[in-house]
Each structure stands twice: as C-alpha cells, then as structure tokens.
C-alpha cells in the first residue's frame, strides 16, 4: 500500500510542475503579445533643432613708439581674435497614435462608382 502512495506522489509531482510551467509560459507570451501590440500602435516623432551659439571677441592694442625728440616714430597694432562656437542639438519626442483603417474611411464616403 505504501508503494502505491509513493508512486501516486511521484505522478503528481511529474504532472503538476509541467502544467504550472506551461501556464506561466502562456502568461508570459500573452504579456509579450500585449506589449508589442501597444508599442505598434504608437509612433514616435523626433524633432531635432540645432542651435549654434557663437561668441566672438576682438581685442585691438595700439602702441605708439616715440622717437628721440618726442615725435611719434611708428605705430604698432596688435589684434587678438577670440572665437568660441557651441553646437547644441535639442531633441523633442512626441508619441502619436497610429491611425487605423485610414483608407477604409475614405473609400466608404458614400459615392458609388458606375
């Protein structure tokens, strides 16, 4: 009698675990199906705008060299340019829902072809 009870428990273990595993697999596949269906209905529109910021500075120095009698002998100019360019890309994402049956609604507008 004890051997029949042990065999019965082994059969329960062998049958119950695969059934639960199959049930969990079905639930995971259903969740994946719902996720893909939801993702398919949405389309993403990305707007990119490029912004450039230019900062330009110019420094001019003038040196006058005087001669022996106090008169200006030569004029020396030095020009320094300082240029900074910053590029910024601004991205904005918009999610749009896909339109279904777009062609079906335009073809059933009530006009008959003859």
PDB file of N, CA and C in Angstrom:
ATOM      1  N   UNK A   1       0.816  -1.187   0.000  1.00  0.00           N
ATOM      2  CA  UNK A   1       0.000   0.000   0.000  1.00  0.00           C
ATOM      3  C   UNK A   1       0.861   1.253   0.000  1.00  0.00           C
ATOM      4  N   UNK A   2       1.968   1.212   0.686  1.00  0.00           N
ATOM      5  CA  UNK A   2       2.849   2.372   0.759  1.00  0.00           C
ATOM      6  C   UNK A   2       3.493   2.655  -0.582  1.00  0.00           C
ATOM      7  N   UNK A   3       3.767   1.602  -1.348  1.00  0.00           N
ATOM      8  CA  UNK A   3       4.402   1.817  -2.644  1.00  0.00           C
ATOM      9  C   UNK A   3       3.439   2.490  -3.614  1.00  0.00           C
ATOM     10  N   UNK A   4       2.142   2.171  -3.517  1.00  0.00           N
ATOM     11  CA  UNK A   4       1.151   2.831  -4.379  1.00  0.00           C
ATOM     12  C   UNK A   4       1.054   4.318  -4.040  1.00  0.00           C
ATOM     13  N   UNK A   5       1.146   4.663  -2.770  1.00  0.00           N
ATOM     14  CA  UNK A   5       1.077   6.065  -2.349  1.00  0.00           C
ATOM     15  C   UNK A   5       2.303   6.834  -2.826  1.00  0.00           C
ATOM     16  N   UNK A   6       3.480   6.195  -2.760  1.00  0.00           N
ATOM     17  CA  UNK A   6       4.701   6.853  -3.228  1.00  0.00           C
ATOM     18  C   UNK A   6       4.645   7.069  -4.735  1.00  0.00           C
ATOM     19  N   UNK A   7       4.173   6.080  -5.484  1.00  0.00           N
ATOM     20  CA  UNK A   7       4.052   6.245  -6.935  1.00  0.00           C
ATOM     21  C   UNK A   7       3.054   7.347  -7.285  1.00  0.00           C
ATOM     22  N   UNK A   8       1.967   7.440  -6.515  1.00  0.00           N
ATOM     23  CA  UNK A   8       0.965   8.471  -6.758  1.00  0.00           C
ATOM     24  C   UNK A   8       1.554   9.864  -6.556  1.00  0.00           C
ATOM     25  N   UNK A   9       2.390  10.039  -5.507  1.00  0.00           N
ATOM     26  CA  UNK A   9       3.024  11.341  -5.270  1.00  0.00           C
ATOM     27  C   UNK A   9       4.012  11.687  -6.371  1.00  0.00           C
ATOM     28  N   UNK A  10       4.719  10.691  -6.872  1.00  0.00           N
ATOM     29  CA  UNK A  10       5.645  10.958  -7.980  1.00  0.00           C
ATOM     30  C   UNK A  10       4.874  11.396  -9.231  1.00  0.00           C
ATOM     31  N   UNK A  11       3.739  10.776  -9.471  1.00  0.00           N
ATOM     32  CA  UNK A  11       2.936  11.163 -10.630  1.00  0.00           C
ATOM     33  C   UNK A  11       2.396  12.576 -10.470  1.00  0.00           C
ATOM     34  N   UNK A  12       2.013  12.927  -9.272  1.00  0.00           N
ATOM     35  CA  UNK A  12       1.517  14.281  -9.029  1.00  0.00           C
ATOM     36  C   UNK A  12       2.627  15.296  -9.278  1.00  0.00           C
ATOM     37  N   UNK A  13       3.819  15.027  -8.784  1.00  0.00           N
ATOM     38  CA  UNK A  13       4.941  15.940  -8.980  1.00  0.00           C
ATOM     39  C   UNK A  13       5.280  16.033 -10.471  1.00  0.00           C
ATOM     40  N   UNK A  14       5.296  14.913 -11.166  1.00  0.00           N
ATOM     41  CA  UNK A  14       5.650  14.897 -12.587  1.00  0.00           C
ATOM     42  C   UNK A  14       4.594  15.626 -13.419  1.00  0.00           C
ATOM     43  N   UNK A  15       3.340  15.589 -13.047  1.00  0.00           N
ATOM     44  CA  UNK A  15       2.276  16.216 -13.829  1.00  0.00           C
ATOM     45  C   UNK A  15       2.076  17.678 -13.439  1.00  0.00           C
ATOM     46  N   UNK A  16       2.122  18.000 -12.153  1.00  0.00           N
ATOM     47  CA  UNK A  16       1.769  19.342 -11.682  1.00  0.00           C
ATOM     48  C   UNK A  16       2.809  20.375 -12.100  1.00  0.00           C
ATOM     49  N   UNK A  17       4.096  20.090 -11.953  1.00  0.00           N
ATOM     50  CA  UNK A  17       5.116  21.081 -12.278  1.00  0.00           C
ATOM     51  C   UNK A  17       5.125  21.464 -13.761  1.00  0.00           C
ATOM     52  N   UNK A  18       5.058  20.539 -14.693  1.00  0.00           N
ATOM     53  CA  UNK A  18       4.983  20.961 -16.107  1.00  0.00           C
ATOM     54  C   UNK A  18       3.711  21.741 -16.440  1.00  0.00           C
ATOM     55  N   UNK A  19       2.601  21.406 -15.792  1.00  0.00           N
ATOM     56  CA  UNK A  19       1.364  22.142 -16.057  1.00  0.00           C
ATOM     57  C   UNK A  19       1.517  23.593 -15.588  1.00  0.00           C
ATOM     58  N   UNK A  20       2.061  23.787 -14.393  1.00  0.00           N
ATOM     59  CA  UNK A  20       2.294  25.156 -13.915  1.00  0.00           C
ATOM     60  C   UNK A  20       3.311  25.876 -14.792  1.00  0.00           C
ATOM     61  N   UNK A  21       4.348  25.186 -15.229  1.00  0.00           N
ATOM     62  CA  UNK A  21       5.341  25.793 -16.127  1.00  0.00           C
ATOM     63  C   UNK A  21       4.707  26.220 -17.439  1.00  0.00           C
ATOM     64  N   UNK A  22       3.850  25.372 -17.996  1.00  0.00           N
ATOM     65  CA  UNK A  22       3.156  25.718 -19.235  1.00  0.00           C
ATOM     66  C   UNK A  22       2.233  26.915 -19.019  1.00  0.00           C
ATOM     67  N   UNK A  23       1.541  26.952 -17.879  1.00  0.00           N
ATOM     68  CA  UNK A  23       0.655  28.069 -17.557  1.00  0.00           C
ATOM     69  C   UNK A  23       1.437  29.374 -17.445  1.00  0.00           C
ATOM     70  N   UNK A  24       2.601  29.359 -16.787  1.00  0.00           N
ATOM     71  CA  UNK A  24       3.429  30.560 -16.665  1.00  0.00           C
ATOM     72  C   UNK A  24       3.984  30.987 -18.027  1.00  0.00           C
ATOM     73  N   UNK A  25       4.352  30.038 -18.863  1.00  0.00           N
ATOM     74  CA  UNK A  25       4.831  30.355 -20.204  1.00  0.00           C
ATOM     75  C   UNK A  25       3.738  31.022 -21.030  1.00  0.00           C
ATOM     76  N   UNK A  26       2.506  30.528 -20.918  1.00  0.00           N
ATOM     77  CA  UNK A  26       1.385  31.135 -21.639  1.00  0.00           C
ATOM     78  C   UNK A  26       1.129  32.564 -21.160  1.00  0.00           C
ATOM     79  N   UNK A  27       1.227  32.795 -19.863  1.00  0.00           N
ATOM     80  CA  UNK A  27       1.034  34.141 -19.328  1.00  0.00           C
ATOM     81  C   UNK A  27       2.126  35.087 -19.823  1.00  0.00           C
ATOM     82  N   UNK A  28       3.385  34.619 -19.869  1.00  0.00           N
ATOM     83  CA  UNK A  28       4.483  35.456 -20.353  1.00  0.00           C
ATOM     84  C   UNK A  28       4.308  35.784 -21.838  1.00  0.00           C
ATOM     85  N   UNK A  29       3.874  34.814 -22.633  1.00  0.00           N
ATOM     86  CA  UNK A  29       3.649  35.071 -24.058  1.00  0.00           C
ATOM     87  C   UNK A  29       2.487  36.037 -24.269  1.00  0.00           C
ATOM     88  N   UNK A  30       1.459  35.932 -23.462  1.00  0.00           N
ATOM     89  CA  UNK A  30       0.336  36.872 -23.560  1.00  0.00           C
ATOM     90  C   UNK A  30       0.768  38.292 -23.198  1.00  0.00           C
ATOM     91  N   UNK A  31       1.596  38.422 -22.157  1.00  0.00           N
ATOM     92  CA  UNK A  31       2.094  39.743 -21.771  1.00  0.00           C
ATOM     93  C   UNK A  31       2.972  40.328 -22.878  1.00  0.00           C
ATOM     94  N   UNK A  32       3.810  39.507 -23.503  1.00  0.00           N
ATOM     95  CA  UNK A  32       4.649  39.967 -24.613  1.00  0.00           C
ATOM     96  C   UNK A  32       3.786  40.394 -25.795  1.00  0.00           C
ATOM     97  N   UNK A  33       2.739  39.647 -26.076  1.00  0.00           N
ATOM     98  CA  UNK A  33       1.827  40.000 -27.164  1.00  0.00           C
ATOM     99  C   UNK A  33       1.164  41.359 -26.902  1.00  0.00           C
ATOM    100  N   UNK A  34       0.696  41.585 -25.687  1.00  0.00           N
ATOM    101  CA  UNK A  34       0.059  42.867 -25.348  1.00  0.00           C
ATOM    102  C   UNK A  34       1.049  44.018 -25.436  1.00  0.00           C
ATOM    103  N   UNK A  35       2.273  43.810 -24.996  1.00  0.00           N
ATOM    104  CA  UNK A  35       3.299  44.853 -25.051  1.00  0.00           C
ATOM    105  C   UNK A  35       3.617  45.224 -26.494  1.00  0.00           C
ATOM    106  N   UNK A  36       3.790  44.226 -27.359  1.00  0.00           N
ATOM    107  CA  UNK A  36       4.099  44.511 -28.756  1.00  0.00           C
ATOM    108  C   UNK A  36       2.933  45.187 -29.466  1.00  0.00           C
ATOM    109  N   UNK A  37       1.724  44.811 -29.118  1.00  0.00           N
ATOM    110  CA  UNK A  37       0.545  45.433 -29.710  1.00  0.00           C
ATOM    111  C   UNK A  37       0.457  46.902 -29.303  1.00  0.00           C
ATOM    112  N   UNK A  38       0.747  47.191 -28.053  1.00  0.00           N
ATOM    113  CA  UNK A  38       0.721  48.570 -27.568  1.00  0.00           C
ATOM    114  C   UNK A  38       1.832  49.389 -28.216  1.00  0.00           C
ATOM    115  N   UNK A  39       2.998  48.795 -28.365  1.00  0.00           N
ATOM    116  CA  UNK A  39       4.125  49.500 -28.961  1.00  0.00           C
ATOM    117  C   UNK A  39       3.897  49.758 -30.443  1.00  0.00           C
ATOM    118  N   UNK A  40       3.213  48.858 -31.122  1.00  0.00           N
ATOM    119  CA  UNK A  40       2.946  49.001 -32.549  1.00  0.00           C
ATOM    120  C   UNK A  40       1.982  50.151 -32.804  1.00  0.00           C
ATOM    121  N   UNK A  41       1.048  50.383 -31.917  1.00  0.00           N
ATOM    122  CA  UNK A  41       0.052  51.439 -32.107  1.00  0.00           C
ATOM    123  C   UNK A  41       0.627  52.834 -31.933  1.00  0.00           C
ATOM    124  N   UNK A  42       1.759  52.970 -31.280  1.00  0.00           N
ATOM    125  CA  UNK A  42       2.343  54.287 -31.059  1.00  0.00           C
ATOM    126  C   UNK A  42       3.518  54.483 -32.007  1.00  0.00           C
ATOM    127  N   UNK A  43       3.574  55.650 -32.597  1.00  0.00           N
ATOM    128  CA  UNK A  43       4.739  56.028 -33.389  1.00  0.00           C
ATOM    129  C   UNK A  43       5.375  57.235 -32.714  1.00  0.00           C
ATOM    130  N   UNK A  44       6.671  57.309 -32.799  1.00  0.00           N
ATOM    131  CA  UNK A  44       7.396  58.377 -32.140  1.00  0.00           C
ATOM    132  C   UNK A  44       7.930  59.341 -33.191  1.00  0.00           C
ATOM    133  N   UNK A  45       7.656  60.603 -33.003  1.00  0.00           N
ATOM    134  CA  UNK A  45       8.143  61.652 -33.881  1.00  0.00           C
ATOM    135  C   UNK A  45       9.219  62.408 -33.127  1.00  0.00           C
ATOM    136  N   UNK A  46      10.402  62.481 -33.716  1.00  0.00           N
ATOM    137  CA  UNK A  46      11.520  63.160 -33.068  1.00  0.00           C
ATOM    138  C   UNK A  46      11.817  64.432 -33.843  1.00  0.00           C
ATOM    139  N   UNK A  47      11.751  65.547 -33.159  1.00  0.00           N
ATOM    140  CA  UNK A  47      12.101  66.829 -33.762  1.00  0.00           C
ATOM    141  C   UNK A  47      13.473  67.235 -33.250  1.00  0.00           C
ATOM    142  N   UNK A  48      14.369  67.497 -34.195  1.00  0.00           N
ATOM    143  CA  UNK A  48      15.710  67.925 -33.819  1.00  0.00           C
ATOM    144  C   UNK A  48      15.917  69.357 -34.290  1.00  0.00           C
ATOM    145  N   UNK A  49      16.352  70.177 -33.381  1.00  0.00           N
ATOM    146  CA  UNK A  49      16.707  71.539 -33.744  1.00  0.00           C
ATOM    147  C   UNK A  49      18.154  71.752 -33.329  1.00  0.00           C
ATOM    148  N   UNK A  50      18.878  72.391 -34.216  1.00  0.00           N
ATOM    149  CA  UNK A  50      20.295  72.625 -33.948  1.00  0.00           C
ATOM    150  C   UNK A  50      20.471  74.099 -33.614  1.00  0.00           C
ATOM    151  N   UNK A  51      21.047  74.361 -32.484  1.00  0.00           N
ATOM    152  CA  UNK A  51      21.282  75.727 -32.040  1.00  0.00           C
ATOM    153  C   UNK A  51      22.787  75.958 -31.957  1.00  0.00           C
ATOM    154  N   UNK A  52      23.218  77.030 -32.595  1.00  0.00           N
ATOM    155  CA  UNK A  52      24.636  77.389 -32.545  1.00  0.00           C
ATOM    156  C   UNK A  52      24.778  78.697 -31.791  1.00  0.00           C
ATOM    157  N   UNK A  53      25.700  78.701 -30.882  1.00  0.00           N
ATOM    158  CA  UNK A  53      25.995  79.894 -30.113  1.00  0.00           C
ATOM    159  C   UNK A  53      27.423  80.310 -30.455  1.00  0.00           C
ATOM    160  N   UNK A  54      27.552  81.469 -31.056  1.00  0.00           N
ATOM    161  CA  UNK A  54      28.873  81.961 -31.482  1.00  0.00           C
ATOM    162  C   UNK A  54      29.225  83.156 -30.608  1.00  0.00           C
ATOM    163  N   UNK A  55      30.374  83.082 -29.996  1.00  0.00           N
ATOM    164  CA  UNK A  55      30.876  84.165 -29.154  1.00  0.00           C
ATOM    165  C   UNK A  55      32.201  84.629 -29.749  1.00  0.00           C
ATOM    166  N   UNK A  56      32.208  85.853 -30.246  1.00  0.00           N
ATOM    167  CA  UNK A  56      33.405  86.363 -30.912  1.00  0.00           C
ATOM    168  C   UNK A  56      33.847  87.646 -30.219  1.00  0.00           C
ATOM    169  N   UNK A  57      35.063  87.644 -29.794  1.00  0.00           N
ATOM    170  CA  UNK A  57      35.657  88.822 -29.148  1.00  0.00           C
ATOM    171  C   UNK A  57      36.903  89.228 -29.920  1.00  0.00           C
ATOM    172  N   UNK A  58      37.106  90.533 -30.041  1.00  0.00           N
ATOM    173  CA  UNK A  58      38.284  91.033 -30.733  1.00  0.00           C
ATOM    174  C   UNK A  58      38.916  92.120 -29.857  1.00  0.00           C
ATOM    175  N   UNK A  59      40.202  91.977 -29.601  1.00  0.00           N
ATOM    176  CA  UNK A  59      40.945  92.957 -28.802  1.00  0.00           C
ATOM    177  C   UNK A  59      41.994  93.620 -29.697  1.00  0.00           C
ATOM    178  N   UNK A  60      41.977  94.923 -29.703  1.00  0.00           N
ATOM    179  CA  UNK A  60      42.938  95.680 -30.512  1.00  0.00           C
ATOM    180  C   UNK A  60      43.793  96.514 -29.564  1.00  0.00           C
ATOM    181  N   UNK A  61      45.103  96.348 -29.696  1.00  0.00           N
ATOM    182  CA  UNK A  61      46.036  97.147 -28.892  1.00  0.00           C
ATOM    183  C   UNK A  61      46.861  98.006 -29.844  1.00  0.00           C
ATOM    184  N   UNK A  62      47.013  99.254 -29.455  1.00  0.00           N
ATOM    185  CA  UNK A  62      47.778 100.186 -30.273  1.00  0.00           C
ATOM    186  C   UNK A  62      48.932 100.734 -29.424  1.00  0.00           C
ATOM    187  N   UNK A  63      50.113 100.495 -29.891  1.00  0.00           N
ATOM    188  CA  UNK A  63      51.312 101.010 -29.208  1.00  0.00           C
ATOM    189  C   UNK A  63      51.979 102.036 -30.121  1.00  0.00           C
ATOM    190  N   UNK A  64      52.206 103.206 -29.572  1.00  0.00           N
ATOM    191  CA  UNK A  64      52.896 104.268 -30.323  1.00  0.00           C
ATOM    192  C   UNK A  64      54.297 104.401 -29.747  1.00  0.00           C
ATOM    193  N   UNK A  65      55.279 104.199 -30.623  1.00  0.00           N
ATOM    194  CA  UNK A  65      56.682 104.308 -30.210  1.00  0.00           C
ATOM    195  C   UNK A  65      57.162 105.710 -30.585  1.00  0.00           C
ATOM    196  N   UNK A  66      57.656 106.420 -29.598  1.00  0.00           N
ATOM    197  CA  UNK A  66      58.111 107.808 -29.822  1.00  0.00           C
ATOM    198  C   UNK A  66      59.597 107.823 -30.152  1.00  0.00           C
ATOM    199  N   UNK A  67      59.929 108.753 -30.970  1.00  0.00           N
ATOM    200  CA  UNK A  67      61.321 108.905 -31.381  1.00  0.00           C
ATOM    201  C   UNK A  67      62.130 109.701 -30.361  1.00  0.00           C
ATOM    202  N   UNK A  68      63.344 110.110 -30.727  1.00  0.00           N
ATOM    203  CA  UNK A  68      64.213 110.818 -29.780  1.00  0.00           C
ATOM    204  C   UNK A  68      63.721 112.212 -29.426  1.00  0.00           C
ATOM    205  N   UNK A  69      62.961 112.865 -30.272  1.00  0.00           N
ATOM    206  CA  UNK A  69      62.512 114.231 -29.990  1.00  0.00           C
ATOM    207  C   UNK A  69      61.068 114.279 -29.516  1.00  0.00           C
ATOM    208  N   UNK A  70      60.470 113.115 -29.168  1.00  0.00           N
ATOM    209  CA  UNK A  70      59.094 113.072 -28.663  1.00  0.00           C
ATOM    210  C   UNK A  70      58.043 112.973 -29.749  1.00  0.00           C
ATOM    211  N   UNK A  71      58.472 112.868 -30.976  1.00  0.00           N
ATOM    212  CA  UNK A  71      57.523 112.732 -32.067  1.00  0.00           C
ATOM    213  C   UNK A  71      57.216 111.248 -32.305  1.00  0.00           C
ATOM    214  N   UNK A  72      56.002 110.917 -32.719  1.00  0.00           N
ATOM    215  CA  UNK A  72      55.689 109.514 -32.973  1.00  0.00           C
ATOM    216  C   UNK A  72      56.506 108.979 -34.145  1.00  0.00           C
ATOM    217  N   UNK A  73      57.198 107.905 -33.889  1.00  0.00           N
ATOM    218  CA  UNK A  73      58.058 107.323 -34.917  1.00  0.00           C
ATOM    219  C   UNK A  73      57.343 106.166 -35.641  1.00  0.00           C
ATOM    220  N   UNK A  74      56.676 105.301 -34.881  1.00  0.00           N
ATOM    221  CA  UNK A  74      55.957 104.186 -35.502  1.00  0.00           C
ATOM    222  C   UNK A  74      54.755 103.819 -34.636  1.00  0.00           C
ATOM    223  N   UNK A  75      53.777 103.234 -35.294  1.00  0.00           N
ATOM    224  CA  UNK A  75      52.561 102.793 -34.620  1.00  0.00           C
ATOM    225  C   UNK A  75      52.471 101.279 -34.799  1.00  0.00           C
ATOM    226  N   UNK A  76      52.312 100.581 -33.685  1.00  0.00           N
ATOM    227  CA  UNK A  76      52.227  99.125 -33.737  1.00  0.00           C
ATOM    228  C   UNK A  76      50.819  98.704 -33.276  1.00  0.00           C
ATOM    229  N   UNK A  77      50.118  97.957 -34.140  1.00  0.00           N
ATOM    230  CA  UNK A  77      48.777  97.455 -33.832  1.00  0.00           C
ATOM    231  C   UNK A  77      48.863  95.951 -33.607  1.00  0.00           C
ATOM    232  N   UNK A  78      48.226  95.482 -32.580  1.00  0.00           N
ATOM    233  CA  UNK A  78      48.116  94.033 -32.363  1.00  0.00           C
ATOM    234  C   UNK A  78      46.629  93.700 -32.210  1.00  0.00           C
ATOM    235  N   UNK A  79      46.199  92.705 -32.963  1.00  0.00           N
ATOM    236  CA  UNK A  79      44.794  92.305 -32.969  1.00  0.00           C
ATOM    237  C   UNK A  79      44.717  90.859 -32.473  1.00  0.00           C
ATOM    238  N   UNK A  80      43.888  90.645 -31.454  1.00  0.00           N
ATOM    239  CA  UNK A  80      43.659  89.293 -30.930  1.00  0.00           C
ATOM    240  C   UNK A  80      42.190  88.950 -31.128  1.00  0.00           C
ATOM    241  N   UNK A  81      41.949  87.826 -31.812  1.00  0.00           N
ATOM    242  CA  UNK A  81      40.579  87.357 -32.023  1.00  0.00           C
ATOM    243  C   UNK A  81      40.320  86.144 -31.137  1.00  0.00           C
ATOM    244  N   UNK A  82      39.181  86.149 -30.512  1.00  0.00           N
ATOM    245  CA  UNK A  82      38.778  85.042 -29.652  1.00  0.00           C
ATOM    246  C   UNK A  82      37.409  84.573 -30.142  1.00  0.00           C
ATOM    247  N   UNK A  83      37.364  83.346 -30.660  1.00  0.00           N
ATOM    248  CA  UNK A  83      36.141  82.825 -31.257  1.00  0.00           C
ATOM    249  C   UNK A  83      35.761  81.521 -30.571  1.00  0.00           C
ATOM    250  N   UNK A  84      34.544  81.465 -30.032  1.00  0.00           N
ATOM    251  CA  UNK A  84      34.009  80.258 -29.395  1.00  0.00           C
ATOM    252  C   UNK A  84      32.710  79.897 -30.097  1.00  0.00           C
ATOM    253  N   UNK A  85      32.597  78.632 -30.533  1.00  0.00           N
ATOM    254  CA  UNK A  85      31.379  78.145 -31.188  1.00  0.00           C
ATOM    255  C   UNK A  85      30.871  76.946 -30.395  1.00  0.00           C
ATOM    256  N   UNK A  86      29.623  77.019 -29.943  1.00  0.00           N
ATOM    257  CA  UNK A  86      28.982  75.922 -29.219  1.00  0.00           C
ATOM    258  C   UNK A  86      27.814  75.410 -30.052  1.00  0.00           C
ATOM    259  N   UNK A  87      27.803  74.100 -30.318  1.00  0.00           N
ATOM    260  CA  UNK A  87      26.714  73.464 -31.051  1.00  0.00           C
ATOM    261  C   UNK A  87      25.853  72.688 -30.063  1.00  0.00           C
ATOM    262  N   UNK A  88      24.574  72.961 -30.090  1.00  0.00           N
ATOM    263  CA  UNK A  88      23.620  72.250 -29.242  1.00  0.00           C
ATOM    264  C   UNK A  88      22.551  71.632 -30.125  1.00  0.00           C
ATOM    265  N   UNK A  89      22.232  70.367 -29.875  1.00  0.00           N
ATOM    266  CA  UNK A  89      21.153  69.694 -30.583  1.00  0.00           C
ATOM    267  C   UNK A  89      20.052  69.416 -29.567  1.00  0.00           C
ATOM    268  N   UNK A  90      18.886  69.959 -29.835  1.00  0.00           N
ATOM    269  CA  UNK A  90      17.745  69.808 -28.933  1.00  0.00           C
ATOM    270  C   UNK A  90      16.784  68.818 -29.577  1.00  0.00           C
ATOM    271  N   UNK A  91      16.493  67.731 -28.873  1.00  0.00           N
ATOM    272  CA  UNK A  91      15.596  66.686 -29.384  1.00  0.00           C
ATOM    273  C   UNK A  91      14.317  66.676 -28.563  1.00  0.00           C
ATOM    274  N   UNK A  92      13.203  66.673 -29.265  1.00  0.00           N
ATOM    275  CA  UNK A  92      11.894  66.584 -28.615  1.00  0.00           C
ATOM    276  C   UNK A  92      11.185  65.370 -29.187  1.00  0.00           C
ATOM    277  N   UNK A  93      10.709  64.500 -28.307  1.00  0.00           N
ATOM    278  CA  UNK A  93      10.000  63.297 -28.739  1.00  0.00           C
ATOM    279  C   UNK A  93       8.504  63.482 -28.531  1.00  0.00           C
ATOM    280  N   UNK A  94       7.766  63.133 -29.557  1.00  0.00           N
ATOM    281  CA  UNK A  94       6.314  63.162 -29.468  1.00  0.00           C
ATOM    282  C   UNK A  94       5.800  61.785 -29.862  1.00  0.00           C
ATOM    283  N   UNK A  95       4.893  61.269 -29.093  1.00  0.00           N
ATOM    284  CA  UNK A  95       4.299  59.968 -29.401  1.00  0.00           C
ATOM    285  C   UNK A  95       2.925  60.186 -30.011  1.00  0.00           C
ATOM    286  N   UNK A  96       2.760  59.629 -31.182  1.00  0.00           N
ATOM    287  CA  UNK A  96       1.496  59.733 -31.897  1.00  0.00           C
ATOM    288  C   UNK A  96       0.867  58.350 -31.987  1.00  0.00           C
ATOM    289  N   UNK A  97      -0.430  58.285 -31.873  1.00  0.00           N
ATOM    290  CA  UNK A  97      -1.109  57.001 -32.030  1.00  0.00           C
ATOM    291  C   UNK A  97      -1.327  56.747 -33.513  1.00  0.00           C
ATOM    292  N   UNK A  98      -1.116  55.512 -33.906  1.00  0.00           N
ATOM    293  CA  UNK A  98      -1.273  55.144 -35.313  1.00  0.00           C
ATOM    294  C   UNK A  98      -2.749  55.191 -35.697  1.00  0.00           C
ATOM    295  N   UNK A  99      -3.004  55.645 -36.914  1.00  0.00           N
ATOM    296  CA  UNK A  99      -4.371  55.705 -37.400  1.00  0.00           C
ATOM    297  C   UNK A  99      -4.680  54.411 -38.122  1.00  0.00           C
ATOM    298  N   UNK A 100      -5.732  53.763 -37.696  1.00  0.00           N
ATOM    299  CA  UNK A 100      -6.126  52.508 -38.319  1.00  0.00           C
ATOM    300  C   UNK A 100      -7.225  52.780 -39.337  1.00  0.00           C
ATOM    301  N   UNK A 101      -7.267  51.948 -40.347  1.00  0.00           N
ATOM    302  CA  UNK A 101      -8.294  51.983 -41.382  1.00  0.00           C
ATOM    303  C   UNK A 101      -8.406  53.360 -42.030  1.00  0.00           C
ATOM    304  N   UNK A 102      -7.255  53.945 -42.335  1.00  0.00           N
ATOM    305  CA  UNK A 102      -7.258  55.257 -42.944  1.00  0.00           C
ATOM    306  C   UNK A 102      -7.841  55.190 -44.360  1.00  0.00           C
ATOM    307  N   UNK A 103      -7.529  54.134 -45.103  1.00  0.00           N
ATOM    308  CA  UNK A 103      -8.030  54.005 -46.459  1.00  0.00           C
ATOM    309  C   UNK A 103      -9.490  53.552 -46.481  1.00  0.00           C
ATOM    310  N   UNK A 104      -9.901  52.802 -45.518  1.00  0.00           N
ATOM    311  CA  UNK A 104     -11.275  52.308 -45.480  1.00  0.00           C
ATOM    312  C   UNK A 104     -12.253  53.450 -45.251  1.00  0.00           C
ATOM    313  N   UNK A 105     -11.898  54.422 -44.445  1.00  0.00           N
ATOM    314  CA  UNK A 105     -12.813  55.521 -44.163  1.00  0.00           C
ATOM    315  C   UNK A 105     -12.948  56.440 -45.365  1.00  0.00           C
ATOM    316  N   UNK A 106     -11.903  56.587 -46.185  1.00  0.00           N
ATOM    317  CA  UNK A 106     -12.003  57.461 -47.341  1.00  0.00           C
ATOM    318  C   UNK A 106     -12.735  56.790 -48.492  1.00  0.00           C
ATOM    319  N   UNK A 107     -12.682  55.441 -48.588  1.00  0.00           N
ATOM    320  CA  UNK A 107     -13.352  54.757 -49.684  1.00  0.00           C
ATOM    321  C   UNK A 107     -14.847  54.602 -49.439  1.00  0.00           C
ATOM    322  N   UNK A 108     -15.282  54.633 -48.211  1.00  0.00           N
ATOM    323  CA  UNK A 108     -16.713  54.475 -47.905  1.00  0.00           C
ATOM    324  C   UNK A 108     -17.341  55.832 -47.626  1.00  0.00           C
ATOM    325  N   UNK A 109     -17.102  56.789 -48.497  1.00  0.00           N
ATOM    326  CA  UNK A 109     -17.629  58.133 -48.254  1.00  0.00           C
ATOM    327  C   UNK A 109     -19.019  58.328 -48.812  1.00  0.00           C
ATOM    328  N   UNK A 110     -19.628  57.275 -49.425  1.00  0.00           N
ATOM    329  CA  UNK A 110     -20.999  57.399 -49.870  1.00  0.00           C
ATOM    330  C   UNK A 110     -21.137  57.563 -51.369  1.00  0.00           C
ATOM    331  N   UNK A 111     -20.059  57.728 -52.083  1.00  0.00           N
ATOM    332  CA  UNK A 111     -20.126  57.856 -53.520  1.00  0.00           C
ATOM    333  C   UNK A 111     -20.082  56.494 -54.166  1.00  0.00           C
ATOM    334  N   UNK A 112     -20.921  56.276 -55.157  1.00  0.00           N
ATOM    335  CA  UNK A 112     -20.933  54.996 -55.863  1.00  0.00           C
ATOM    336  C   UNK A 112     -20.327  55.199 -57.245  1.00  0.00           C
ATOM    337  N   UNK A 113     -19.545  54.244 -57.646  1.00  0.00           N
ATOM    338  CA  UNK A 113     -18.926  54.315 -58.971  1.00  0.00           C
ATOM    339  C   UNK A 113     -19.780  53.551 -59.956  1.00  0.00           C
ATOM    340  N   UNK A 114     -19.999  54.139 -61.141  1.00  0.00           N
ATOM    341  CA  UNK A 114     -20.787  53.448 -62.139  1.00  0.00           C
ATOM    342  C   UNK A 114     -20.067  53.372 -63.462  1.00  0.00           C
TER     343      UNK A 114
END
